[in-house]
Amino acid sequence: MLQVTNSTMKDFLDSLLTDVQAAIELHQKGLPAPFSIRFLGNVKAELEKMVTIMDPRIYRPSYPRFVLDWPEDSALGDRLLSASDLYGRIRPKKKPEEAR
């Protein structure tokens, strides 16, 4: 099974946050962008939670089915789904009280 570390996951999520913010800015400028601005705002909030919490036992995002079927920009949708999958593979360090 692929081992995902917090640092590599954080880097990936930070990169994804940058892409989501760029898509939001395209919407704000009236330019074509993937997904709706509302969806992107929700995704941005989820990604920020993921970066802060970094524990899929506490928080794990889920995306609606239309992300899979979005025709215009599957690259961002694919990255969102990959992030969700990889985030679920994080194995947080056990707290001292859990190790007993």
N, C-alpha and C. Protein backbone atom coordinates (compact mmCIF):
# COMPACT_ATOMS: atom_id res chain seq x y z
N MET A 1 0.83 -1.18 0.00
CA MET A 1 0.00 0.00 0.00
C MET A 1 0.88 1.25 0.00
N LEU A 2 0.51 2.23 -0.77
CA LEU A 2 1.24 3.48 -0.86
C LEU A 2 1.21 4.21 0.47
N GLN A 3 2.39 4.58 0.96
CA GLN A 3 2.48 5.33 2.22
C GLN A 3 2.47 6.82 1.89
N VAL A 4 1.59 7.55 2.52
CA VAL A 4 1.48 8.99 2.31
C VAL A 4 1.92 9.69 3.58
N THR A 5 2.91 10.58 3.44
CA THR A 5 3.37 11.33 4.61
C THR A 5 2.64 12.67 4.69
N ASN A 6 2.62 13.22 5.87
CA ASN A 6 1.97 14.51 6.05
C ASN A 6 2.61 15.60 5.20
N SER A 7 3.95 15.58 5.08
CA SER A 7 4.62 16.64 4.32
C SER A 7 4.33 16.54 2.83
N THR A 8 4.34 15.34 2.26
CA THR A 8 4.03 15.22 0.83
C THR A 8 2.56 15.54 0.58
N MET A 9 1.69 15.15 1.50
CA MET A 9 0.27 15.45 1.34
C MET A 9 0.03 16.95 1.44
N LYS A 10 0.70 17.60 2.38
CA LYS A 10 0.54 19.05 2.53
C LYS A 10 0.99 19.76 1.27
N ASP A 11 2.11 19.35 0.69
CA ASP A 11 2.59 19.96 -0.56
C ASP A 11 1.56 19.79 -1.67
N PHE A 12 1.01 18.60 -1.78
CA PHE A 12 0.01 18.33 -2.82
C PHE A 12 -1.24 19.19 -2.60
N LEU A 13 -1.70 19.27 -1.35
CA LEU A 13 -2.89 20.07 -1.04
C LEU A 13 -2.64 21.55 -1.27
N ASP A 14 -1.45 22.03 -0.92
CA ASP A 14 -1.11 23.44 -1.17
C ASP A 14 -1.13 23.75 -2.66
N SER A 15 -0.60 22.84 -3.45
CA SER A 15 -0.62 23.00 -4.90
C SER A 15 -2.05 23.02 -5.44
N LEU A 16 -2.86 22.15 -4.92
CA LEU A 16 -4.26 22.07 -5.33
C LEU A 16 -5.02 23.33 -4.90
N LEU A 17 -4.74 23.83 -3.71
CA LEU A 17 -5.35 25.08 -3.25
C LEU A 17 -5.02 26.23 -4.20
N THR A 18 -3.78 26.28 -4.67
CA THR A 18 -3.36 27.31 -5.62
C THR A 18 -4.18 27.19 -6.91
N ASP A 19 -4.37 25.98 -7.40
CA ASP A 19 -5.15 25.76 -8.62
C ASP A 19 -6.62 26.15 -8.43
N VAL A 20 -7.18 25.81 -7.29
CA VAL A 20 -8.58 26.15 -7.01
C VAL A 20 -8.73 27.66 -6.91
N GLN A 21 -7.79 28.32 -6.24
CA GLN A 21 -7.84 29.78 -6.12
C GLN A 21 -7.73 30.43 -7.51
N ALA A 22 -6.88 29.89 -8.37
CA ALA A 22 -6.74 30.41 -9.73
C ALA A 22 -8.05 30.28 -10.49
N ALA A 23 -8.74 29.16 -10.33
CA ALA A 23 -10.04 28.96 -10.99
C ALA A 23 -11.08 29.95 -10.46
N ILE A 24 -11.05 30.20 -9.15
CA ILE A 24 -11.97 31.19 -8.56
C ILE A 24 -11.71 32.57 -9.16
N GLU A 25 -10.44 32.92 -9.29
CA GLU A 25 -10.09 34.22 -9.86
C GLU A 25 -10.52 34.34 -11.32
N LEU A 26 -10.43 33.25 -12.07
CA LEU A 26 -10.93 33.27 -13.45
C LEU A 26 -12.42 33.59 -13.47
N HIS A 27 -13.18 32.94 -12.60
CA HIS A 27 -14.62 33.22 -12.49
C HIS A 27 -14.86 34.69 -12.18
N GLN A 28 -14.10 35.22 -11.22
CA GLN A 28 -14.29 36.61 -10.79
C GLN A 28 -13.99 37.60 -11.91
N LYS A 29 -13.12 37.21 -12.84
CA LYS A 29 -12.79 38.07 -13.98
C LYS A 29 -13.73 37.83 -15.16
N GLY A 30 -14.68 36.92 -14.98
CA GLY A 30 -15.63 36.62 -16.05
C GLY A 30 -15.07 35.73 -17.14
N LEU A 31 -13.99 35.05 -16.85
CA LEU A 31 -13.36 34.16 -17.83
C LEU A 31 -13.82 32.73 -17.60
N PRO A 32 -13.70 31.90 -18.63
CA PRO A 32 -14.09 30.49 -18.47
C PRO A 32 -13.22 29.81 -17.40
N ALA A 33 -13.88 29.02 -16.57
CA ALA A 33 -13.18 28.31 -15.51
C ALA A 33 -13.94 27.02 -15.20
N PRO A 34 -13.22 26.02 -14.68
CA PRO A 34 -13.89 24.75 -14.36
C PRO A 34 -14.80 24.89 -13.16
N PHE A 35 -15.87 24.13 -13.17
CA PHE A 35 -16.82 24.05 -12.07
C PHE A 35 -17.46 25.42 -11.78
N SER A 36 -18.34 25.45 -10.84
CA SER A 36 -18.98 26.72 -10.47
C SER A 36 -18.16 27.40 -9.38
N ILE A 37 -18.30 28.69 -9.28
CA ILE A 37 -17.55 29.42 -8.25
C ILE A 37 -17.99 28.98 -6.85
N ARG A 38 -19.25 28.65 -6.70
CA ARG A 38 -19.75 28.18 -5.40
C ARG A 38 -19.08 26.85 -5.02
N PHE A 39 -19.04 25.92 -5.98
CA PHE A 39 -18.39 24.64 -5.72
C PHE A 39 -16.92 24.84 -5.38
N LEU A 40 -16.24 25.69 -6.14
CA LEU A 40 -14.82 25.94 -5.89
C LEU A 40 -14.59 26.56 -4.51
N GLY A 41 -15.49 27.43 -4.08
CA GLY A 41 -15.38 28.00 -2.74
C GLY A 41 -15.51 26.93 -1.67
N ASN A 42 -16.45 26.00 -1.88
CA ASN A 42 -16.61 24.89 -0.93
C ASN A 42 -15.38 23.99 -0.92
N VAL A 43 -14.84 23.72 -2.11
CA VAL A 43 -13.65 22.88 -2.22
C VAL A 43 -12.47 23.55 -1.52
N LYS A 44 -12.34 24.85 -1.72
CA LYS A 44 -11.24 25.59 -1.07
C LYS A 44 -11.33 25.43 0.45
N ALA A 45 -12.52 25.59 1.00
CA ALA A 45 -12.71 25.43 2.45
C ALA A 45 -12.37 24.01 2.89
N GLU A 46 -12.76 23.01 2.10
CA GLU A 46 -12.45 21.61 2.44
C GLU A 46 -10.94 21.36 2.41
N LEU A 47 -10.28 21.89 1.39
CA LEU A 47 -8.83 21.70 1.29
C LEU A 47 -8.11 22.37 2.46
N GLU A 48 -8.58 23.55 2.85
CA GLU A 48 -7.97 24.24 3.99
C GLU A 48 -8.15 23.42 5.28
N LYS A 49 -9.32 22.80 5.44
CA LYS A 49 -9.54 21.93 6.61
C LYS A 49 -8.60 20.73 6.56
N MET A 50 -8.45 20.16 5.37
CA MET A 50 -7.58 19.00 5.23
C MET A 50 -6.15 19.35 5.64
N VAL A 51 -5.65 20.52 5.18
CA VAL A 51 -4.29 20.94 5.50
C VAL A 51 -4.14 21.14 7.00
N THR A 52 -5.14 21.71 7.63
CA THR A 52 -5.08 22.00 9.06
C THR A 52 -5.18 20.73 9.90
N ILE A 53 -6.10 19.85 9.56
CA ILE A 53 -6.38 18.67 10.39
C ILE A 53 -5.42 17.52 10.11
N MET A 54 -5.19 17.22 8.85
CA MET A 54 -4.28 16.15 8.43
C MET A 54 -4.52 14.83 9.14
N ASP A 55 -5.77 14.47 9.29
CA ASP A 55 -6.12 13.19 9.91
C ASP A 55 -7.47 12.75 9.36
N PRO A 56 -7.47 11.75 8.46
CA PRO A 56 -8.73 11.31 7.85
C PRO A 56 -9.70 10.68 8.85
N ARG A 57 -9.22 10.35 10.04
CA ARG A 57 -10.14 9.82 11.06
C ARG A 57 -11.02 10.93 11.62
N ILE A 58 -10.54 12.16 11.53
CA ILE A 58 -11.27 13.31 12.07
C ILE A 58 -12.07 14.01 10.98
N TYR A 59 -11.46 14.21 9.82
CA TYR A 59 -12.14 14.92 8.72
C TYR A 59 -11.74 14.29 7.40
N ARG A 60 -12.74 14.03 6.57
CA ARG A 60 -12.49 13.49 5.24
C ARG A 60 -13.50 14.09 4.28
N PRO A 61 -13.02 14.75 3.22
CA PRO A 61 -13.95 15.38 2.28
C PRO A 61 -14.61 14.35 1.37
N SER A 62 -15.69 14.77 0.77
CA SER A 62 -16.32 13.95 -0.26
C SER A 62 -16.81 14.90 -1.35
N TYR A 63 -16.75 14.44 -2.57
CA TYR A 63 -17.14 15.27 -3.70
C TYR A 63 -18.33 14.67 -4.41
N PRO A 64 -19.21 15.53 -4.92
CA PRO A 64 -20.40 15.03 -5.63
C PRO A 64 -20.01 14.29 -6.91
N ARG A 65 -20.91 13.46 -7.36
CA ARG A 65 -20.67 12.64 -8.55
C ARG A 65 -20.32 13.48 -9.77
N PHE A 66 -20.87 14.70 -9.89
CA PHE A 66 -20.62 15.47 -11.10
C PHE A 66 -19.15 15.80 -11.30
N VAL A 67 -18.34 15.72 -10.24
CA VAL A 67 -16.90 15.95 -10.40
C VAL A 67 -16.33 14.91 -11.36
N LEU A 68 -16.79 13.69 -11.26
CA LEU A 68 -16.32 12.62 -12.15
C LEU A 68 -16.74 12.86 -13.59
N ASP A 69 -17.91 13.46 -13.76
CA ASP A 69 -18.49 13.60 -15.09
C ASP A 69 -18.26 14.97 -15.73
N TRP A 70 -17.55 15.86 -15.05
CA TRP A 70 -17.37 17.22 -15.56
C TRP A 70 -16.59 17.17 -16.87
N PRO A 71 -17.19 17.63 -17.98
CA PRO A 71 -16.56 17.47 -19.28
C PRO A 71 -15.46 18.47 -19.60
N GLU A 72 -15.58 19.70 -19.12
CA GLU A 72 -14.66 20.75 -19.56
C GLU A 72 -13.26 20.65 -18.98
N ASP A 73 -13.14 20.23 -17.75
CA ASP A 73 -11.82 20.23 -17.14
C ASP A 73 -11.65 19.05 -16.21
N SER A 74 -11.35 17.93 -16.78
CA SER A 74 -11.21 16.74 -15.95
C SER A 74 -9.92 16.76 -15.13
N ALA A 75 -8.94 17.57 -15.52
CA ALA A 75 -7.67 17.59 -14.80
C ALA A 75 -7.86 18.05 -13.36
N LEU A 76 -8.58 19.13 -13.14
CA LEU A 76 -8.80 19.61 -11.78
C LEU A 76 -9.67 18.62 -11.01
N GLY A 77 -10.69 18.09 -11.63
CA GLY A 77 -11.54 17.10 -10.99
C GLY A 77 -10.76 15.85 -10.61
N ASP A 78 -9.90 15.41 -11.51
CA ASP A 78 -9.06 14.24 -11.23
C ASP A 78 -8.14 14.50 -10.04
N ARG A 79 -7.57 15.70 -9.98
CA ARG A 79 -6.68 16.03 -8.86
C ARG A 79 -7.45 16.09 -7.54
N LEU A 80 -8.68 16.61 -7.59
CA LEU A 80 -9.50 16.65 -6.37
C LEU A 80 -9.79 15.24 -5.86
N LEU A 81 -10.13 14.36 -6.78
CA LEU A 81 -10.42 12.98 -6.38
C LEU A 81 -9.16 12.28 -5.88
N SER A 82 -8.02 12.56 -6.52
CA SER A 82 -6.75 11.99 -6.05
C SER A 82 -6.42 12.48 -4.65
N ALA A 83 -6.66 13.77 -4.41
CA ALA A 83 -6.39 14.33 -3.09
C ALA A 83 -7.23 13.64 -2.03
N SER A 84 -8.49 13.43 -2.33
CA SER A 84 -9.38 12.76 -1.38
C SER A 84 -8.89 11.34 -1.09
N ASP A 85 -8.50 10.63 -2.15
CA ASP A 85 -8.01 9.26 -1.99
C ASP A 85 -6.71 9.22 -1.19
N LEU A 86 -5.75 10.06 -1.58
CA LEU A 86 -4.46 10.06 -0.89
C LEU A 86 -4.59 10.51 0.56
N TYR A 87 -5.44 11.49 0.79
CA TYR A 87 -5.66 11.98 2.16
C TYR A 87 -6.17 10.85 3.05
N GLY A 88 -6.99 10.00 2.49
CA GLY A 88 -7.51 8.87 3.25
C GLY A 88 -6.45 7.85 3.61
N ARG A 89 -5.29 7.92 2.95
CA ARG A 89 -4.20 6.98 3.22
C ARG A 89 -3.20 7.50 4.26
N ILE A 90 -3.38 8.73 4.70
CA ILE A 90 -2.48 9.27 5.72
C ILE A 90 -2.60 8.42 6.97
N ARG A 91 -1.48 8.09 7.53
CA ARG A 91 -1.47 7.35 8.79
C ARG A 91 -0.88 8.28 9.84
N PRO A 92 -1.75 9.02 10.52
CA PRO A 92 -1.26 9.96 11.54
C PRO A 92 -0.53 9.23 12.65
N LYS A 93 0.43 9.93 13.24
CA LYS A 93 1.14 9.35 14.38
C LYS A 93 0.17 9.24 15.53
N LYS A 94 0.30 8.15 16.26
CA LYS A 94 -0.57 7.96 17.42
C LYS A 94 -0.14 8.89 18.54
N LYS A 95 -1.12 9.41 19.23
CA LYS A 95 -0.85 10.23 20.41
C LYS A 95 -0.41 9.29 21.52
N PRO A 96 0.39 9.79 22.47
CA PRO A 96 0.89 8.91 23.54
C PRO A 96 -0.21 8.11 24.24
N GLU A 97 -1.37 8.72 24.47
CA GLU A 97 -2.44 7.99 25.16
C GLU A 97 -3.06 6.90 24.28
N GLU A 98 -2.92 7.02 22.94
CA GLU A 98 -3.46 6.00 22.03
C GLU A 98 -2.50 4.82 21.90
N ALA A 99 -1.22 5.04 22.17
CA ALA A 99 -0.20 4.01 21.97
C ALA A 99 -0.26 2.92 23.04
N ARG A 100 -0.91 3.20 24.13
CA ARG A 100 -0.97 2.22 25.22
C ARG A 100 -1.83 1.05 24.90
